[in-house]
Amino acid sequence: MPWLAGTALIHSLAVTERRGIFKSWTFYWLSLLSL
């Protein structure tokens, strides 16, 4: 389900820009998508 991972990545990027909380989650999703 790459679309689900992509959606989660976009969401985490949006949240990271606002609060800076999910930076680790963003790197996690990027590593998953790059596999």
Protein backbone atom coordinates (compact mmCIF):
# COMPACT_ATOMS: atom_id res chain seq x y z
CA MET A 1 0.00 0.00 0.00
CA PRO A 2 2.42 2.71 -1.13
CA TRP A 3 -0.39 5.27 -1.34
CA LEU A 4 -1.04 4.82 2.39
CA ALA A 5 2.62 5.36 3.22
CA GLY A 6 2.68 8.39 0.94
CA THR A 7 -0.37 9.86 2.64
CA ALA A 8 1.17 9.31 6.06
CA LEU A 9 4.41 10.92 4.85
CA ILE A 10 2.61 14.00 3.55
CA HIS A 11 0.65 14.28 6.79
CA SER A 12 3.75 13.91 8.95
CA LEU A 13 5.56 16.52 6.87
CA ALA A 14 2.68 18.94 7.35
CA VAL A 15 2.67 18.34 11.11
CA THR A 16 6.45 18.66 11.25
CA GLU A 17 6.26 22.09 9.63
CA ARG A 18 3.72 23.22 12.22
CA ARG A 19 4.99 21.70 15.44
CA GLY A 20 8.28 19.90 14.79
CA ILE A 21 7.08 16.86 16.74
CA PHE A 22 7.07 14.08 14.17
CA LYS A 23 10.51 14.58 12.68
CA SER A 24 11.52 11.04 13.62
CA TRP A 25 8.31 9.70 12.05
CA THR A 26 9.10 11.60 8.85
CA PHE A 27 12.52 9.98 8.58
CA TYR A 28 10.93 6.62 9.39
CA TRP A 29 8.42 6.92 6.53
CA LEU A 30 11.11 8.16 4.16
CA SER A 31 13.21 5.10 4.94
CA LEU A 32 10.21 2.82 4.39
CA LEU A 33 9.37 4.43 1.05
CA SER A 34 12.97 4.18 -0.14
CA LEU A 35 13.13 0.40 0.39
